[in-house]
């Protein structure tokens, strides 16, 4: 059977979605080390009117800037900006480009109420002319060699202006467009409306990246057939199944793929615990592990049991004891 290593170099690209409060640089490093992911996008850096952020702010959310803007596995990382003021976004984009960002990504998709109330994220989709102005200002401010990508939803209150916003992004000079195939009002409720992406592809001449409800290789295949897209962005699916990108690329190339067993997943979780234990305040110890276990329950039944065992624990000793138990059990069972 051919090695899966070469699959990262295929024409199809798989993006790790920038899930706010979830996919930080630690998660990016762990997931890209598994393989199959071609591009990462940071959590958003919020830009307010008249604000020029210092380098330390960008490096806090994207420490990969000190390493040629790549994860330790070598996967490129794009810096994501969020805001509603074109000039302010432009000067910050120029700054982060000068710092070595592999690309600048613009957020027009965040559905969070606080973000939308403060002139950011999906709320901007109500005014496609503003989307155009932001993308155009950023495109004009950064070197032509720096790609500018944007992520939108299909709309805010409804999906009626999905083509207007896609055209705004394209005509303003963006390099490519990621589309979460739901409106803000749709939230994250299934289904994802992949058929809209086919219309967008026909209307614009830049690559369209499909996003939404890709949990398995079979979902990917349906999305590809319906949308016609060649590139895909995956968020919750990769947290539920960290080897999903490899599984999709193997499926696309008719290669057998053995899913990651729980014994390997528990070791990944333990590494994440060791990495993050000293980073977050003690009162939040283990919150990120609990959060990840919630996603893993979709694919691993064992994750639900471990979550129940760990959900009320907050001390380092308790976490070590629980991990010792689960690592021993998974090693013994070979699962």
Protein backbone atom coordinates (compact mmCIF):
# COMPACT_ATOMS: atom_id res chain seq x y z
CA UNK A 1 0.00 0.00 0.00
CA UNK A 2 1.41 3.48 -0.89
CA UNK A 3 2.55 5.74 1.92
CA UNK A 4 0.15 8.49 2.98
CA UNK A 5 3.00 11.00 3.28
CA UNK A 6 2.73 12.20 -0.29
CA UNK A 7 -0.99 12.98 0.07
CA UNK A 8 -0.21 16.37 1.61
CA UNK A 9 1.14 17.44 -1.79
CA UNK A 10 -2.00 16.66 -3.80
CA UNK A 11 -4.02 19.36 -5.59
CA UNK A 12 -6.86 19.20 -3.08
CA UNK A 13 -6.19 21.27 0.02
CA UNK A 14 -7.69 20.68 3.45
CA UNK A 15 -7.85 23.64 5.82
CA UNK A 16 -8.10 23.51 9.61
CA UNK A 17 -10.90 25.93 10.50
CA UNK A 18 -10.13 28.80 12.93
CA UNK A 19 -12.43 27.79 15.79
CA UNK A 20 -12.37 30.62 18.32
CA UNK A 21 -11.39 29.53 21.82
CA UNK A 22 -10.60 26.01 20.61
CA UNK A 23 -7.99 25.79 17.86
CA UNK A 24 -4.99 27.60 19.33
CA UNK A 25 -1.37 27.07 18.35
CA UNK A 26 -1.10 23.99 20.56
CA UNK A 27 -4.00 22.27 18.81
CA UNK A 28 -2.63 23.35 15.42
CA UNK A 29 0.70 21.72 16.24
CA UNK A 30 -0.86 18.47 17.41
CA UNK A 31 -3.32 18.11 14.54
CA UNK A 32 -0.90 19.02 11.76
CA UNK A 33 1.64 16.54 13.14
CA UNK A 34 -0.90 13.78 12.47
CA UNK A 35 -0.93 14.83 8.82
CA UNK A 36 -3.33 15.62 6.00
CA UNK A 37 -3.90 19.29 6.88
CA UNK A 38 -2.48 21.71 4.32
CA UNK A 39 -3.33 25.15 5.77
CA UNK A 40 -4.24 26.51 9.22
CA UNK A 41 -5.92 29.79 10.14
CA UNK A 42 -5.48 31.45 13.53
CA UNK A 43 -8.21 32.48 15.92
CA UNK A 44 -9.23 36.03 15.08
CA UNK A 45 -7.25 39.10 16.06
CA UNK A 46 -9.84 41.77 16.75
CA UNK A 47 -9.08 45.22 15.29
CA UNK A 48 -11.01 48.31 16.41
CA UNK A 49 -11.13 51.69 14.70
CA UNK A 50 -7.85 53.60 14.90
CA UNK A 51 -5.99 50.69 16.48
CA UNK A 52 -2.52 49.52 15.46
CA UNK A 53 -1.64 46.47 17.51
CA UNK A 54 1.88 45.74 18.77
CA UNK A 55 3.73 42.68 17.50
CA UNK A 56 3.27 40.83 20.79
CA UNK A 57 -0.50 40.64 20.25
CA UNK A 58 -0.11 38.96 16.87
CA UNK A 59 2.55 36.62 18.22
CA UNK A 60 0.40 35.64 21.19
CA UNK A 61 -2.25 34.22 18.85
CA UNK A 62 0.23 33.21 16.17
CA UNK A 63 3.58 32.26 17.75
CA UNK A 64 4.29 30.52 14.45
CA UNK A 65 5.27 34.00 13.16
CA UNK A 66 8.64 33.34 14.78
CA UNK A 67 8.99 30.14 12.74
CA UNK A 68 8.30 31.28 9.18
CA UNK A 69 4.56 31.23 9.96
CA UNK A 70 4.43 27.45 10.00
CA UNK A 71 3.54 24.88 12.61
CA UNK A 72 6.28 22.62 13.94
CA UNK A 73 5.14 20.11 11.32
CA UNK A 74 5.69 22.70 8.58
CA UNK A 75 2.07 23.55 7.80
CA UNK A 76 1.47 27.21 6.76
CA UNK A 77 -0.57 29.35 9.14
CA UNK A 78 -2.65 32.34 8.08
CA UNK A 79 -3.29 35.25 10.45
CA UNK A 80 -6.99 36.05 10.78
CA UNK A 81 -8.21 39.61 11.36
CA UNK A 82 -11.70 40.70 12.42
CA UNK A 83 -13.25 44.14 12.43
CA UNK A 84 -15.40 46.61 10.53
CA UNK A 85 -13.06 49.53 9.84
CA UNK A 86 -11.20 49.21 6.49
CA UNK A 87 -8.29 51.55 7.23
CA UNK A 88 -7.56 50.02 10.62
CA UNK A 89 -7.68 46.50 9.25
CA UNK A 90 -5.42 47.57 6.39
CA UNK A 91 -2.65 49.00 8.56
CA UNK A 92 -2.68 45.95 10.81
CA UNK A 93 -2.68 43.63 7.82
CA UNK A 94 0.35 45.46 6.45
CA UNK A 95 2.09 45.10 9.79
CA UNK A 96 1.46 41.37 10.15
CA UNK A 97 2.47 40.82 6.52
CA UNK A 98 5.77 42.59 7.26
CA UNK A 99 6.17 40.26 10.24
CA UNK A 100 6.12 37.32 7.86
CA UNK A 101 2.51 36.14 7.78
CA UNK A 102 2.07 33.51 5.07
CA UNK A 103 -1.34 35.04 4.30
CA UNK A 104 -3.91 37.37 5.84
CA UNK A 105 -7.43 36.07 6.38
CA UNK A 106 -10.49 38.29 6.95
CA UNK A 107 -13.39 37.18 9.13
CA UNK A 108 -16.91 37.81 7.84
CA UNK A 109 -18.35 34.66 9.31
CA UNK A 110 -18.22 34.76 13.12
CA UNK A 111 -21.79 34.31 14.47
CA UNK A 112 -21.04 35.29 18.08
CA UNK A 113 -23.52 37.85 19.44
CA UNK A 114 -20.85 40.01 21.08
CA UNK A 115 -18.82 40.17 17.88
CA UNK A 116 -21.88 40.97 15.76
CA UNK A 117 -23.03 43.69 18.16
CA UNK A 118 -19.65 45.35 17.81
CA UNK A 119 -19.47 45.65 14.02
CA UNK A 120 -17.63 42.47 13.22
CA UNK A 121 -17.99 38.98 11.82
CA UNK A 122 -21.17 37.89 10.06
CA UNK A 123 -22.96 41.19 10.79
CA UNK A 124 -20.99 42.79 7.95
CA UNK A 125 -22.70 40.49 5.45
CA UNK A 126 -25.77 42.73 5.65
CA UNK A 127 -23.76 45.29 3.67
CA UNK A 128 -21.77 43.75 0.81
CA UNK A 129 -20.34 47.17 -0.06
CA UNK A 130 -18.60 47.22 3.32
CA UNK A 131 -17.24 43.74 2.72
CA UNK A 132 -15.80 45.04 -0.56
CA UNK A 133 -14.27 48.12 1.11
CA UNK A 134 -12.55 46.05 3.80
CA UNK A 135 -11.11 43.48 1.41
CA UNK A 136 -10.02 46.20 -1.04
CA UNK A 137 -8.30 48.24 1.68
CA UNK A 138 -6.41 45.21 2.96
CA UNK A 139 -5.50 44.04 -0.54
CA UNK A 140 -4.09 47.48 -1.39
CA UNK A 141 -2.12 47.66 1.86
CA UNK A 142 -0.17 44.41 1.68
CA UNK A 143 2.38 43.22 -0.87
CA UNK A 144 0.97 41.51 -3.93
CA UNK A 145 2.92 38.41 -2.90
CA UNK A 146 0.86 38.06 0.30
CA UNK A 147 -2.37 36.14 -0.29
CA UNK A 148 -5.58 37.65 1.08
CA UNK A 149 -8.34 35.21 1.91
CA UNK A 150 -11.77 35.79 3.40
CA UNK A 151 -14.38 33.63 5.08
CA UNK A 152 -18.08 34.34 4.83
CA UNK A 153 -21.35 32.67 5.70
CA UNK A 154 -24.24 32.56 3.24
CA UNK A 155 -25.76 35.59 4.91
CA UNK A 156 -26.88 37.10 8.21
CA UNK A 157 -30.66 36.96 8.72
CA UNK A 158 -31.09 34.73 5.67
CA UNK A 159 -29.18 33.47 2.61
CA UNK A 160 -30.49 35.97 0.06
CA UNK A 161 -27.25 37.94 -0.40
CA UNK A 162 -24.77 35.11 -0.64
CA UNK A 163 -23.74 35.96 -4.21
CA UNK A 164 -23.48 39.69 -3.45
CA UNK A 165 -21.00 39.02 -0.67
CA UNK A 166 -19.03 36.46 -2.65
CA UNK A 167 -18.74 38.89 -5.56
CA UNK A 168 -17.69 41.66 -3.17
CA UNK A 169 -14.81 39.55 -1.87
CA UNK A 170 -13.71 38.50 -5.34
CA UNK A 171 -13.98 41.90 -7.02
CA UNK A 172 -12.06 43.54 -4.16
CA UNK A 173 -9.03 41.42 -5.00
CA UNK A 174 -9.06 38.51 -2.54
CA UNK A 175 -7.00 35.48 -3.47
CA UNK A 176 -9.60 32.94 -2.36
CA UNK A 177 -12.86 32.62 -0.46
CA UNK A 178 -13.92 30.15 2.22
CA UNK A 179 -17.69 29.78 2.62
CA UNK A 180 -19.42 28.32 5.65
CA UNK A 181 -22.51 26.95 3.93
CA UNK A 182 -25.04 28.38 6.40
CA UNK A 183 -26.27 31.83 7.36
CA UNK A 184 -25.69 33.36 10.76
CA UNK A 185 -29.35 32.62 11.54
CA UNK A 186 -28.79 28.97 10.63
CA UNK A 187 -26.08 28.77 13.28
CA UNK A 188 -24.51 25.32 13.28
CA UNK A 189 -27.71 23.35 12.76
CA UNK A 190 -27.56 20.70 10.02
CA UNK A 191 -27.71 20.68 7.11
CA UNK A 192 -25.01 22.70 5.40
CA UNK A 193 -26.32 24.14 2.14
CA UNK A 194 -23.49 23.04 -0.14
CA UNK A 195 -25.54 23.71 -3.29
CA UNK A 196 -25.05 27.45 -2.78
CA UNK A 197 -21.31 26.94 -3.15
CA UNK A 198 -21.78 25.66 -6.69
CA UNK A 199 -23.49 28.97 -7.57
CA UNK A 200 -20.65 30.93 -5.98
CA UNK A 201 -18.03 28.94 -7.89
CA UNK A 202 -19.75 29.79 -11.17
CA UNK A 203 -19.99 33.49 -10.28
CA UNK A 204 -16.40 34.21 -9.21
CA UNK A 205 -12.99 33.32 -10.59
CA UNK A 206 -11.05 32.66 -7.38
CA UNK A 207 -10.89 29.34 -5.51
CA UNK A 208 -13.86 28.61 -3.24
CA UNK A 209 -13.20 26.60 -0.08
CA UNK A 210 -16.18 24.59 1.17
CA UNK A 211 -16.89 24.59 4.91
CA UNK A 212 -19.60 23.03 7.03
CA UNK A 213 -20.79 19.57 8.16
CA UNK A 214 -17.80 17.53 6.99
CA UNK A 215 -17.50 14.81 9.61
CA UNK A 216 -16.38 11.85 7.51
CA UNK A 217 -14.85 10.93 4.13
CA UNK A 218 -18.40 10.24 2.94
CA UNK A 219 -19.49 13.77 3.93
CA UNK A 220 -16.47 15.14 2.07
CA UNK A 221 -17.41 13.20 -1.05
CA UNK A 222 -21.01 14.45 -0.97
CA UNK A 223 -19.82 18.01 -0.42
CA UNK A 224 -17.42 17.72 -3.35
CA UNK A 225 -20.12 16.37 -5.66
CA UNK A 226 -22.73 18.99 -4.68
CA UNK A 227 -20.44 22.03 -4.42
CA UNK A 228 -17.88 21.16 -7.08
CA UNK A 229 -15.18 22.57 -4.78
CA UNK A 230 -11.61 21.26 -4.77
CA UNK A 231 -10.63 22.69 -1.36
CA UNK A 232 -12.32 22.12 1.98
CA UNK A 233 -12.20 23.61 5.48
CA UNK A 234 -12.90 21.36 8.46
CA UNK A 235 -13.32 22.33 12.11
CA UNK A 236 -15.46 20.24 14.45
CA UNK A 237 -14.95 17.15 12.31
CA UNK A 238 -11.18 17.27 12.87
CA UNK A 239 -11.62 17.69 16.61
CA UNK A 240 -13.99 14.72 16.71
CA UNK A 241 -11.64 12.65 14.57
CA UNK A 242 -8.09 14.07 14.47
CA UNK A 243 -7.04 11.83 11.57
CA UNK A 244 -10.00 12.91 9.41
CA UNK A 245 -7.83 14.84 6.95
CA UNK A 246 -5.71 11.75 6.34
CA UNK A 247 -8.85 9.62 6.02
CA UNK A 248 -10.32 11.99 3.42
CA UNK A 249 -7.13 12.07 1.36
CA UNK A 250 -6.85 8.31 1.50
CA UNK A 251 -10.49 8.00 0.40
CA UNK A 252 -9.90 10.46 -2.45
CA UNK A 253 -7.00 8.33 -3.67
CA UNK A 254 -8.68 4.93 -3.10
CA UNK A 255 -6.17 4.02 -0.40
CA UNK A 256 -7.09 2.07 2.73
CA UNK A 257 -6.81 4.04 5.95
CA UNK A 258 -6.79 2.59 9.46
CA UNK A 259 -8.57 5.00 11.85
CA UNK A 260 -6.64 6.31 14.82
CA UNK A 261 -7.37 4.00 17.78
CA UNK A 262 -8.44 5.31 21.16
CA UNK A 263 -5.09 4.27 22.66
CA UNK A 264 -3.36 6.74 20.33
CA UNK A 265 -5.99 9.39 20.96
CA UNK A 266 -5.51 9.17 24.73
CA UNK A 267 -1.77 9.75 24.25
CA UNK A 268 -2.56 12.81 22.11
CA UNK A 269 -4.84 14.15 24.84
CA UNK A 270 -2.18 13.54 27.46
CA UNK A 271 0.40 15.48 25.44
CA UNK A 272 -2.10 18.31 25.12
CA UNK A 273 -2.67 18.23 28.89
CA UNK A 274 1.08 18.41 29.55
CA UNK A 275 1.53 21.27 27.10
CA UNK A 276 -1.37 23.38 28.35
CA UNK A 277 -1.38 22.68 32.11
CA UNK A 278 1.08 25.49 32.82
CA UNK A 279 -0.43 27.97 30.36
CA UNK A 280 -3.90 28.52 31.78
CA UNK A 281 -4.86 29.74 35.29
CA UNK A 282 -5.26 26.96 37.84
CA UNK A 283 -8.98 27.65 38.20
CA UNK A 284 -9.35 26.70 34.52
CA UNK A 285 -7.11 23.63 34.71
CA UNK A 286 -8.39 20.93 32.42
CA UNK A 287 -11.07 23.01 30.71
CA UNK A 288 -9.47 22.57 27.29
CA UNK A 289 -9.21 18.79 27.81
CA UNK A 290 -12.88 18.62 28.78
CA UNK A 291 -13.77 20.73 25.76
CA UNK A 292 -11.91 18.42 23.39
CA UNK A 293 -13.47 15.32 24.97
CA UNK A 294 -16.90 16.74 24.15
CA UNK A 295 -15.98 16.78 20.46
CA UNK A 296 -14.33 13.37 20.62
CA UNK A 297 -17.56 11.79 21.91
CA UNK A 298 -18.89 12.01 18.35
CA UNK A 299 -16.40 9.40 17.17
CA UNK A 300 -14.97 7.72 20.27
CA UNK A 301 -17.43 6.19 22.79
CA UNK A 302 -14.59 6.06 25.33
CA UNK A 303 -14.41 9.87 25.32
CA UNK A 304 -17.87 10.11 26.88
CA UNK A 305 -16.80 7.84 29.74
CA UNK A 306 -13.57 9.75 30.30
CA UNK A 307 -15.44 13.05 30.25
CA UNK A 308 -17.72 11.85 33.04
CA UNK A 309 -14.69 10.77 35.06
CA UNK A 310 -12.90 14.07 34.62
CA UNK A 311 -15.64 16.70 34.35
CA UNK A 312 -15.62 17.78 38.03
CA UNK A 313 -11.87 17.54 38.60
CA UNK A 314 -9.68 20.64 38.82
CA UNK A 315 -6.44 19.59 40.50
CA UNK A 316 -3.27 18.57 38.72
CA UNK A 317 -3.01 15.41 40.82
CA UNK A 318 -6.54 14.33 39.92
CA UNK A 319 -5.83 14.78 36.23
CA UNK A 320 -2.59 12.80 36.41
CA UNK A 321 -4.35 9.98 38.26
CA UNK A 322 -7.16 9.81 35.71
CA UNK A 323 -4.78 9.93 32.78
CA UNK A 324 -2.63 7.19 34.31
CA UNK A 325 -5.70 5.00 34.65
CA UNK A 326 -6.98 5.58 31.14
CA UNK A 327 -3.56 5.25 29.50
CA UNK A 328 -3.01 1.98 31.31
CA UNK A 329 -6.44 0.65 30.33
CA UNK A 330 -6.08 1.61 26.67
CA UNK A 331 -2.55 0.16 26.51
CA UNK A 332 -3.71 -3.07 28.11
CA UNK A 333 -6.77 -3.42 25.86
CA UNK A 334 -4.91 -2.39 22.71
CA UNK A 335 -7.91 -0.37 21.57
